[in-house]
Each structure stands twice: as structure tokens, then as C-alpha cells.
Amino acid sequence: MAARRRHPGGRRWHPDDHSRYLTGLAAGVGDGSAELVWAVMLAGITECGIPAMSLTDNGTVYTGRLRGYEAAFEINLRSVGTRTINSARITPRPAAKSNDSGRP
């Protein structure tokens, strides 16, 4: 299992809701395409400037690191000087079941 990414001060990266800002939104057919994702990112860059870092999930449109290639999104971000990081691969756990169903 790969080590979790840590902040240079040793703390883990932990984004929260107050630090998020929606810079663009678009809808596409299916899961979207690399072109659509990059167009939305460019709209955000135009409005807010080039980010130092971009956090995404492990979707194939964002990263190919788990599949042995580099996605266009990663290449494009690197070309403008943005560091890409991806969320950890997490295996979903089933919801806990309650035994209270027969109690009054």
C-alpha cells in the first residue's frame, strides 16, 4: 500500500468544505471527456489564475497513474506548472446493519 501524501510539515492533506470553490461546471454525455474536463479547468484558470496544485479522484479522465499512462489532464496541468495529486484509493465498506428492527 502506498504511503499517504503528507504536507511538508508532516501533516496529512485534509481538504474541507470551506476551502473548496467551484470555478466551473459543465455537463457532458456519459462520464465526460478529456476535452470537456480541460475546457472547464481552463475556464477556472481564466477566472482565478493557475493553481499551484490540483486534487482529483482517480478517474481515467484525470489520471492514468494506476493504469500505467499519463492522462491528457495531467500533461496539460504540468505544462502550466500545476502539481497534480490524486485521492487515495478507498475500498467502500458496507453500511452497518442495526438489530433494532424488532424492538418497539
Protein backbone atom coordinates (compact mmCIF):
# COMPACT_ATOMS: atom_id res chain seq x y z
CA MET A 1 0.00 0.00 0.00
CA ALA A 2 1.39 3.41 -0.95
CA ALA A 3 2.16 5.94 1.73
CA ARG A 4 -0.35 8.74 2.15
CA ARG A 5 0.73 12.13 0.90
CA ARG A 6 1.83 14.49 3.62
CA HIS A 7 2.22 18.23 3.91
CA PRO A 8 5.87 19.33 4.10
CA GLY A 9 5.30 19.98 7.83
CA GLY A 10 4.34 16.30 8.27
CA ARG A 11 0.58 16.78 8.42
CA ARG A 12 -1.76 14.87 6.09
CA TRP A 13 -3.60 16.75 3.37
CA HIS A 14 -7.16 17.16 4.59
CA PRO A 15 -9.36 19.36 2.41
CA ASP A 16 -12.58 20.60 3.96
CA ASP A 17 -15.67 22.34 2.67
CA HIS A 18 -14.58 25.90 3.47
CA SER A 19 -11.51 25.56 1.24
CA ARG A 20 -13.42 24.45 -1.86
CA TYR A 21 -14.53 26.84 -4.57
CA LEU A 22 -16.44 25.86 -7.70
CA THR A 23 -14.68 27.53 -10.61
CA GLY A 24 -16.59 25.85 -13.40
CA LEU A 25 -19.31 23.36 -14.14
CA ALA A 26 -20.29 21.61 -17.36
CA ALA A 27 -22.28 18.55 -18.31
CA GLY A 28 -21.32 16.00 -20.90
CA VAL A 29 -22.52 12.69 -22.22
CA GLY A 30 -21.56 9.73 -20.03
CA ASP A 31 -18.55 10.34 -17.82
CA GLY A 32 -17.40 13.35 -19.81
CA SER A 33 -14.34 13.58 -21.97
CA ALA A 34 -10.79 14.82 -21.57
CA GLU A 35 -11.68 17.79 -23.79
CA LEU A 36 -14.68 18.75 -21.63
CA VAL A 37 -12.71 18.40 -18.39
CA TRP A 38 -9.84 20.52 -19.70
CA ALA A 39 -12.26 23.17 -21.04
CA VAL A 40 -13.80 23.50 -17.57
CA MET A 41 -10.33 23.68 -16.00
CA LEU A 42 -9.31 26.41 -18.46
CA ALA A 43 -12.44 28.39 -17.54
CA GLY A 44 -11.39 28.16 -13.89
CA ILE A 45 -7.81 29.17 -14.71
CA THR A 46 -9.10 32.15 -16.71
CA GLU A 47 -11.24 33.31 -13.77
CA CYS A 48 -8.92 32.54 -10.85
CA GLY A 49 -5.41 32.05 -12.23
CA ILE A 50 -3.18 28.99 -12.43
CA PRO A 51 -3.42 26.81 -9.32
CA ALA A 52 -0.28 25.54 -7.61
CA MET A 53 -1.93 22.14 -7.09
CA SER A 54 -4.95 20.19 -8.32
CA LEU A 55 -6.62 17.43 -6.27
CA THR A 56 -8.75 14.94 -8.23
CA ASP A 57 -10.10 11.44 -7.80
CA ASN A 58 -8.61 8.53 -9.74
CA GLY A 59 -10.97 8.75 -12.72
CA THR A 60 -9.36 7.88 -16.05
CA VAL A 61 -10.02 11.36 -17.43
CA TYR A 62 -7.88 12.85 -14.62
CA THR A 63 -5.05 10.35 -14.15
CA GLY A 64 -3.54 7.25 -15.66
CA ARG A 65 -1.08 6.61 -12.81
CA LEU A 66 -2.90 3.46 -11.66
CA ARG A 67 -3.05 2.14 -15.23
CA GLY A 68 0.49 2.88 -16.42
CA TYR A 69 0.00 6.01 -18.53
CA GLU A 70 -0.27 9.77 -18.12
CA ALA A 71 -3.67 11.34 -18.86
CA ALA A 72 -4.01 14.46 -21.00
CA PHE A 73 -5.33 16.33 -17.93
CA GLU A 74 -2.08 15.60 -16.04
CA ILE A 75 0.03 16.59 -19.05
CA ASN A 76 -1.90 19.83 -19.54
CA LEU A 77 -1.65 20.79 -15.86
CA ARG A 78 2.07 20.08 -15.78
CA SER A 79 2.53 22.28 -18.87
CA VAL A 80 1.12 25.28 -16.95
CA GLY A 81 3.12 24.47 -13.81
CA THR A 82 0.39 22.88 -11.68
CA ARG A 83 1.20 19.88 -9.49
CA THR A 84 -1.39 17.09 -9.61
CA ILE A 85 -2.34 14.94 -6.65
CA ASN A 86 -4.97 12.23 -6.50
CA SER A 87 -7.17 10.97 -3.71
CA ALA A 88 -6.35 7.66 -2.07
CA ARG A 89 -7.92 4.52 -3.43
CA ILE A 90 -10.54 3.66 -0.83
CA THR A 91 -12.49 0.42 -0.70
CA PRO A 92 -16.06 1.24 0.33
CA ARG A 93 -17.27 -0.54 3.44
CA PRO A 94 -20.84 -1.81 3.68
CA ALA A 95 -23.16 0.17 5.94
CA ALA A 96 -23.56 -1.19 9.46
CA LYS A 97 -26.75 -3.13 9.99
CA SER A 98 -28.88 -2.44 13.01
CA ASN A 99 -30.50 -5.21 15.02
CA ASP A 100 -33.17 -2.84 16.35
CA SER A 101 -35.78 -3.71 13.70
CA GLY A 102 -37.90 -5.87 16.04
CA ARG A 103 -37.87 -3.55 19.05
CA PRO A 104 -40.86 -1.34 19.95
